[in-house]
N, C-alpha and C. Protein backbone atom coordinates (compact mmCIF):
# COMPACT_ATOMS: atom_id res chain seq x y z
N UNK A 1 0.85 -1.16 0.00
CA UNK A 1 0.00 0.00 0.00
C UNK A 1 0.90 1.23 0.00
N UNK A 2 0.60 2.19 -0.87
CA UNK A 2 1.42 3.39 -0.99
C UNK A 2 1.15 4.41 0.10
N UNK A 3 2.00 5.40 0.12
CA UNK A 3 1.93 6.46 1.13
C UNK A 3 0.59 7.17 1.10
N UNK A 4 0.16 7.61 -0.09
CA UNK A 4 -1.10 8.35 -0.18
C UNK A 4 -2.31 7.47 0.11
N UNK A 5 -2.22 6.20 -0.22
CA UNK A 5 -3.30 5.28 0.10
C UNK A 5 -3.46 5.15 1.61
N UNK A 6 -2.33 5.05 2.30
CA UNK A 6 -2.38 4.98 3.76
C UNK A 6 -2.90 6.28 4.35
N UNK A 7 -2.44 7.39 3.80
CA UNK A 7 -2.80 8.70 4.30
C UNK A 7 -4.28 9.00 4.11
N UNK A 8 -4.82 8.64 2.95
CA UNK A 8 -6.20 8.97 2.65
C UNK A 8 -7.15 7.78 2.75
N UNK A 9 -6.67 6.67 3.28
CA UNK A 9 -7.53 5.52 3.53
C UNK A 9 -7.96 4.76 2.31
N UNK A 10 -7.21 4.80 1.24
CA UNK A 10 -7.56 4.06 0.03
C UNK A 10 -6.83 2.72 0.03
N UNK A 11 -7.17 1.90 0.99
CA UNK A 11 -6.48 0.63 1.13
C UNK A 11 -7.18 -0.47 0.37
N UNK A 12 -6.81 -1.69 0.66
CA UNK A 12 -7.39 -2.86 0.05
C UNK A 12 -8.84 -2.98 0.50
N UNK A 13 -9.77 -2.86 -0.41
CA UNK A 13 -11.19 -2.89 -0.09
C UNK A 13 -11.68 -4.25 0.38
N UNK A 14 -10.89 -5.31 0.19
CA UNK A 14 -11.32 -6.64 0.59
C UNK A 14 -11.14 -6.89 2.08
N UNK A 15 -10.22 -6.15 2.68
CA UNK A 15 -9.95 -6.36 4.10
C UNK A 15 -10.71 -5.34 4.93
N UNK A 16 -11.46 -5.80 5.94
CA UNK A 16 -12.12 -4.83 6.81
C UNK A 16 -11.08 -4.16 7.70
N UNK A 17 -11.27 -2.89 7.93
CA UNK A 17 -10.37 -2.15 8.81
C UNK A 17 -10.64 -2.54 10.25
N UNK A 18 -9.62 -2.77 11.03
CA UNK A 18 -9.85 -3.04 12.45
C UNK A 18 -10.39 -1.78 13.12
N UNK A 19 -11.28 -1.96 14.09
CA UNK A 19 -11.85 -0.79 14.75
C UNK A 19 -10.76 -0.12 15.59
N UNK A 20 -10.82 1.17 15.62
CA UNK A 20 -9.83 1.94 16.35
C UNK A 20 -10.54 2.73 17.44
N UNK A 21 -9.83 2.97 18.52
CA UNK A 21 -10.37 3.81 19.56
C UNK A 21 -11.40 3.10 20.42
N UNK A 22 -12.24 3.90 21.06
CA UNK A 22 -13.22 3.35 21.97
C UNK A 22 -14.59 3.31 21.32
N UNK A 23 -15.44 2.44 21.82
CA UNK A 23 -16.77 2.31 21.27
C UNK A 23 -17.64 3.49 21.70
N UNK A 24 -18.77 3.64 21.04
CA UNK A 24 -19.71 4.70 21.38
C UNK A 24 -20.18 4.55 22.82
N UNK A 25 -20.47 3.32 23.23
CA UNK A 25 -20.94 3.08 24.60
C UNK A 25 -19.86 3.44 25.62
N UNK A 26 -18.61 3.12 25.31
CA UNK A 26 -17.51 3.47 26.21
C UNK A 26 -17.37 4.99 26.33
N UNK A 27 -17.52 5.68 25.21
CA UNK A 27 -17.42 7.14 25.22
C UNK A 27 -18.54 7.75 26.05
N UNK A 28 -19.75 7.22 25.91
CA UNK A 28 -20.88 7.74 26.67
C UNK A 28 -20.72 7.44 28.16
N UNK A 29 -20.20 6.26 28.48
CA UNK A 29 -19.96 5.91 29.88
C UNK A 29 -18.92 6.86 30.48
N UNK A 30 -17.89 7.17 29.72
CA UNK A 30 -16.87 8.12 30.19
C UNK A 30 -17.48 9.49 30.42
N UNK A 31 -18.40 9.88 29.56
CA UNK A 31 -19.09 11.16 29.71
C UNK A 31 -19.89 11.18 31.01
N UNK A 32 -20.63 10.10 31.29
CA UNK A 32 -21.42 10.03 32.52
C UNK A 32 -20.51 10.13 33.74
N UNK A 33 -19.43 9.38 33.75
CA UNK A 33 -18.50 9.39 34.88
C UNK A 33 -17.90 10.79 35.06
N UNK A 34 -17.44 11.37 33.98
CA UNK A 34 -16.81 12.70 34.05
C UNK A 34 -17.79 13.75 34.56
N UNK A 35 -19.00 13.76 34.03
CA UNK A 35 -19.99 14.74 34.45
C UNK A 35 -20.39 14.54 35.91
N UNK A 36 -20.51 13.29 36.33
CA UNK A 36 -20.86 13.02 37.72
C UNK A 36 -19.76 13.48 38.66
N UNK A 37 -18.52 13.27 38.27
CA UNK A 37 -17.40 13.71 39.11
C UNK A 37 -17.31 15.23 39.19
N UNK A 38 -17.90 15.91 38.21
CA UNK A 38 -17.92 17.37 38.24
C UNK A 38 -19.08 17.90 39.07
N UNK A 39 -19.85 16.98 39.67
CA UNK A 39 -20.88 17.40 40.60
C UNK A 39 -22.31 17.32 40.11
N UNK A 40 -22.51 16.89 38.88
CA UNK A 40 -23.87 16.78 38.37
C UNK A 40 -24.54 15.52 38.89
N UNK A 41 -25.85 15.61 39.12
CA UNK A 41 -26.58 14.43 39.58
C UNK A 41 -26.74 13.45 38.43
N UNK A 42 -26.88 12.20 38.77
CA UNK A 42 -27.05 11.16 37.75
C UNK A 42 -28.33 11.41 36.95
N UNK A 43 -29.37 11.82 37.63
CA UNK A 43 -30.64 12.11 36.95
C UNK A 43 -30.47 13.23 35.93
N UNK A 44 -29.75 14.27 36.29
CA UNK A 44 -29.50 15.38 35.38
C UNK A 44 -28.69 14.93 34.17
N UNK A 45 -27.69 14.11 34.41
CA UNK A 45 -26.83 13.63 33.32
C UNK A 45 -27.64 12.78 32.35
N UNK A 46 -28.48 11.89 32.87
CA UNK A 46 -29.27 11.00 32.01
C UNK A 46 -30.31 11.77 31.20
N UNK A 47 -30.72 12.94 31.69
CA UNK A 47 -31.66 13.78 30.95
C UNK A 47 -30.97 14.79 30.05
N UNK A 48 -29.66 14.78 30.06
CA UNK A 48 -28.86 15.72 29.28
C UNK A 48 -29.11 15.52 27.78
N UNK A 49 -29.38 16.61 27.04
CA UNK A 49 -29.59 16.48 25.59
C UNK A 49 -28.43 15.81 24.87
N UNK A 50 -27.20 16.05 25.34
CA UNK A 50 -26.03 15.42 24.71
C UNK A 50 -26.18 13.90 24.73
N UNK A 51 -26.57 13.37 25.88
CA UNK A 51 -26.71 11.93 26.03
C UNK A 51 -27.96 11.42 25.30
N UNK A 52 -29.06 12.15 25.41
CA UNK A 52 -30.31 11.73 24.77
C UNK A 52 -30.19 11.71 23.25
N UNK A 53 -29.39 12.62 22.69
CA UNK A 53 -29.23 12.66 21.24
C UNK A 53 -28.32 11.56 20.71
N UNK A 54 -27.58 10.92 21.60
CA UNK A 54 -26.61 9.91 21.17
C UNK A 54 -26.94 8.49 21.61
N UNK A 55 -27.98 8.35 22.45
CA UNK A 55 -28.31 7.01 22.95
C UNK A 55 -29.82 6.88 23.14
N UNK A 56 -30.32 5.69 22.87
CA UNK A 56 -31.73 5.41 23.12
C UNK A 56 -31.93 5.24 24.63
N UNK A 57 -33.19 5.17 25.05
CA UNK A 57 -33.47 4.93 26.46
C UNK A 57 -32.83 3.62 26.92
N UNK A 58 -32.93 2.61 26.07
CA UNK A 58 -32.35 1.30 26.40
C UNK A 58 -30.83 1.39 26.54
N UNK A 59 -30.18 2.12 25.67
CA UNK A 59 -28.73 2.28 25.74
C UNK A 59 -28.33 3.06 26.99
N UNK A 60 -29.12 4.08 27.35
CA UNK A 60 -28.82 4.83 28.57
C UNK A 60 -28.98 3.94 29.80
N UNK A 61 -29.96 3.05 29.79
CA UNK A 61 -30.10 2.12 30.91
C UNK A 61 -28.91 1.17 30.99
N UNK A 62 -28.42 0.73 29.83
CA UNK A 62 -27.25 -0.16 29.83
C UNK A 62 -26.01 0.53 30.39
N UNK A 63 -25.93 1.86 30.20
CA UNK A 63 -24.79 2.59 30.76
C UNK A 63 -24.73 2.43 32.27
N UNK A 64 -25.91 2.33 32.89
CA UNK A 64 -25.97 2.21 34.35
C UNK A 64 -25.53 0.84 34.84
N UNK A 65 -25.36 -0.10 33.92
CA UNK A 65 -24.89 -1.44 34.28
C UNK A 65 -23.38 -1.59 34.11
N UNK A 66 -22.76 -0.58 33.55
CA UNK A 66 -21.31 -0.66 33.31
C UNK A 66 -20.56 -0.48 34.62
N UNK A 67 -19.57 -1.35 34.88
CA UNK A 67 -18.84 -1.29 36.15
C UNK A 67 -18.22 0.06 36.46
N UNK A 68 -17.65 0.73 35.45
CA UNK A 68 -17.00 2.01 35.72
C UNK A 68 -18.00 3.09 36.13
N UNK A 69 -19.22 3.01 35.59
CA UNK A 69 -20.26 3.98 35.97
C UNK A 69 -20.74 3.68 37.38
N UNK A 70 -21.00 2.41 37.67
CA UNK A 70 -21.44 2.01 39.01
C UNK A 70 -20.40 2.41 40.04
N UNK A 71 -19.14 2.13 39.73
CA UNK A 71 -18.05 2.44 40.66
C UNK A 71 -17.97 3.94 40.92
N UNK A 72 -18.01 4.75 39.87
CA UNK A 72 -17.88 6.20 40.02
C UNK A 72 -19.05 6.79 40.80
N UNK A 73 -20.25 6.37 40.46
CA UNK A 73 -21.43 6.90 41.14
C UNK A 73 -21.45 6.42 42.59
N UNK A 74 -21.12 5.16 42.80
CA UNK A 74 -21.10 4.61 44.16
C UNK A 74 -20.05 5.26 45.04
N UNK A 75 -18.84 5.44 44.50
CA UNK A 75 -17.77 6.07 45.27
C UNK A 75 -18.12 7.50 45.62
N UNK A 76 -18.67 8.23 44.65
CA UNK A 76 -19.04 9.62 44.91
C UNK A 76 -20.18 9.71 45.91
N UNK A 77 -21.14 8.83 45.80
CA UNK A 77 -22.27 8.82 46.73
C UNK A 77 -21.79 8.52 48.15
N UNK A 78 -20.90 7.56 48.28
CA UNK A 78 -20.34 7.22 49.59
C UNK A 78 -19.54 8.40 50.16
N UNK A 79 -18.76 9.05 49.33
CA UNK A 79 -17.95 10.19 49.78
C UNK A 79 -18.85 11.35 50.23
N UNK A 80 -19.92 11.61 49.49
CA UNK A 80 -20.85 12.68 49.88
C UNK A 80 -21.55 12.34 51.19
N UNK A 81 -21.93 11.09 51.37
CA UNK A 81 -22.58 10.67 52.61
C UNK A 81 -21.62 10.82 53.78
N UNK A 82 -20.38 10.44 53.61
CA UNK A 82 -19.39 10.56 54.67
C UNK A 82 -19.16 12.04 55.03
N UNK A 83 -19.16 12.88 54.02
CA UNK A 83 -18.99 14.32 54.25
C UNK A 83 -20.16 14.87 55.07
N UNK A 84 -21.36 14.44 54.75
CA UNK A 84 -22.53 14.89 55.52
C UNK A 84 -22.45 14.43 56.96
N UNK A 85 -22.01 13.21 57.18
CA UNK A 85 -21.88 12.67 58.54
C UNK A 85 -20.84 13.50 59.31
N UNK A 86 -19.72 13.81 58.66
CA UNK A 86 -18.68 14.61 59.32
C UNK A 86 -19.20 16.00 59.67
N UNK A 87 -20.02 16.58 58.80
CA UNK A 87 -20.57 17.92 59.05
C UNK A 87 -21.54 17.93 60.22
N UNK A 88 -22.24 16.84 60.45
CA UNK A 88 -23.22 16.75 61.53
C UNK A 88 -22.52 16.63 62.88
N UNK A 89 -21.41 15.93 62.93
CA UNK A 89 -20.73 15.71 64.23
C UNK A 89 -19.81 16.83 64.59
């Protein structure tokens, strides 16, 4: 394959290109985690037009089953609860 073919993607049409980067679901899960860590509620994030325009209701529900999302939301929820307890005492 020549230089320009590699540069402009004019490769062998018989071979499928291997997927590169992260999947759409992984990107959306990263978005949920990032937004939650910035202080947004999970409910607000799931109603976000950015997420609604890129995922169906079913896909958004599947995001909540991803370990990284569960971990981030759970850790943040536990940290907020601990902070409230410390503030009361």
